[in-house]
Amino acid sequence: MRKWYVIVRVETSPDGEKLVIVETTESKPKKVDFAIFAEK
């Protein structure tokens, strides 16, 4: 079983729009707005 972290980051672009970035990683995230933990 591999542990996966689903990371949701909210960033603001230079023109003021909010961007939502979703990433998956096997390493534990350091600074995130929201993280979901899942095992596969």
N, C-alpha and C. Protein backbone atom coordinates (compact mmCIF):
# COMPACT_ATOMS: atom_id res chain seq x y z
N MET A 1 0.84 -1.19 0.00
CA MET A 1 0.00 0.00 0.00
C MET A 1 0.88 1.25 0.00
N ARG A 2 0.65 2.11 -0.95
CA ARG A 2 1.41 3.36 -1.02
C ARG A 2 0.54 4.48 -0.50
N LYS A 3 1.16 5.36 0.23
CA LYS A 3 0.43 6.50 0.79
C LYS A 3 0.53 7.69 -0.15
N TRP A 4 -0.61 8.29 -0.45
CA TRP A 4 -0.65 9.43 -1.35
C TRP A 4 -1.26 10.62 -0.64
N TYR A 5 -0.74 11.78 -0.92
CA TYR A 5 -1.31 13.02 -0.42
C TYR A 5 -1.87 13.79 -1.60
N VAL A 6 -3.14 14.16 -1.50
CA VAL A 6 -3.76 14.98 -2.53
C VAL A 6 -3.76 16.41 -2.00
N ILE A 7 -3.04 17.29 -2.68
CA ILE A 7 -2.84 18.65 -2.20
C ILE A 7 -3.67 19.61 -3.03
N VAL A 8 -4.39 20.47 -2.35
CA VAL A 8 -5.16 21.52 -3.02
C VAL A 8 -4.56 22.85 -2.59
N ARG A 9 -3.99 23.58 -3.55
CA ARG A 9 -3.39 24.89 -3.27
C ARG A 9 -4.21 25.96 -3.94
N VAL A 10 -4.42 27.06 -3.22
CA VAL A 10 -5.11 28.20 -3.81
C VAL A 10 -4.10 29.33 -3.95
N GLU A 11 -3.86 29.77 -5.18
CA GLU A 11 -2.91 30.85 -5.43
C GLU A 11 -3.62 31.97 -6.16
N THR A 12 -3.12 33.18 -5.98
CA THR A 12 -3.68 34.33 -6.67
C THR A 12 -2.72 34.75 -7.77
N SER A 13 -3.23 34.86 -8.98
CA SER A 13 -2.40 35.26 -10.10
C SER A 13 -2.18 36.77 -10.07
N PRO A 14 -1.21 37.28 -10.82
CA PRO A 14 -0.91 38.72 -10.80
C PRO A 14 -2.10 39.61 -11.16
N ASP A 15 -3.02 39.13 -11.98
CA ASP A 15 -4.17 39.97 -12.34
C ASP A 15 -5.35 39.80 -11.39
N GLY A 16 -5.13 39.10 -10.27
CA GLY A 16 -6.15 39.03 -9.23
C GLY A 16 -7.06 37.81 -9.29
N GLU A 17 -6.85 36.92 -10.24
CA GLU A 17 -7.68 35.72 -10.32
C GLU A 17 -7.18 34.67 -9.35
N LYS A 18 -8.11 33.89 -8.79
CA LYS A 18 -7.72 32.80 -7.90
C LYS A 18 -7.55 31.53 -8.72
N LEU A 19 -6.44 30.87 -8.49
CA LEU A 19 -6.15 29.61 -9.18
C LEU A 19 -6.15 28.49 -8.15
N VAL A 20 -6.84 27.41 -8.47
CA VAL A 20 -6.85 26.24 -7.60
C VAL A 20 -6.00 25.17 -8.28
N ILE A 21 -4.96 24.74 -7.58
CA ILE A 21 -4.02 23.77 -8.13
C ILE A 21 -4.15 22.48 -7.33
N VAL A 22 -4.39 21.37 -8.02
CA VAL A 22 -4.51 20.07 -7.36
C VAL A 22 -3.32 19.23 -7.77
N GLU A 23 -2.63 18.67 -6.77
CA GLU A 23 -1.46 17.84 -7.05
C GLU A 23 -1.55 16.57 -6.21
N THR A 24 -0.91 15.51 -6.68
CA THR A 24 -0.75 14.32 -5.85
C THR A 24 0.74 14.09 -5.66
N THR A 25 1.10 13.69 -4.45
CA THR A 25 2.50 13.47 -4.14
C THR A 25 2.61 12.38 -3.10
N GLU A 26 3.75 11.69 -3.08
CA GLU A 26 3.97 10.66 -2.07
C GLU A 26 4.69 11.22 -0.85
N SER A 27 5.28 12.40 -0.98
CA SER A 27 5.97 13.00 0.16
C SER A 27 5.00 13.88 0.94
N LYS A 28 5.24 13.99 2.23
CA LYS A 28 4.34 14.77 3.07
C LYS A 28 4.50 16.24 2.75
N PRO A 29 3.40 16.94 2.45
CA PRO A 29 3.50 18.35 2.09
C PRO A 29 3.84 19.22 3.30
N LYS A 30 4.55 20.31 3.05
CA LYS A 30 4.94 21.21 4.14
C LYS A 30 3.92 22.32 4.31
N LYS A 31 3.76 23.16 3.31
CA LYS A 31 2.85 24.31 3.44
C LYS A 31 1.75 24.20 2.40
N VAL A 32 0.56 23.86 2.86
CA VAL A 32 -0.58 23.74 1.95
C VAL A 32 -1.81 24.34 2.61
N ASP A 33 -2.81 24.65 1.79
CA ASP A 33 -4.08 25.15 2.30
C ASP A 33 -4.99 24.00 2.72
N PHE A 34 -4.93 22.91 1.98
CA PHE A 34 -5.84 21.80 2.23
C PHE A 34 -5.18 20.53 1.73
N ALA A 35 -5.21 19.45 2.51
CA ALA A 35 -4.59 18.20 2.09
C ALA A 35 -5.51 17.03 2.43
N ILE A 36 -5.58 16.08 1.53
CA ILE A 36 -6.36 14.86 1.72
C ILE A 36 -5.37 13.70 1.71
N PHE A 37 -5.57 12.76 2.62
CA PHE A 37 -4.67 11.63 2.72
C PHE A 37 -5.38 10.39 2.17
N ALA A 38 -4.71 9.64 1.31
CA ALA A 38 -5.31 8.44 0.73
C ALA A 38 -4.26 7.35 0.59
N GLU A 39 -4.71 6.10 0.64
CA GLU A 39 -3.81 4.98 0.42
C GLU A 39 -4.26 4.23 -0.82
N LYS A 40 -3.29 3.79 -1.61
CA LYS A 40 -3.62 2.99 -2.80
C LYS A 40 -2.85 1.70 -2.75
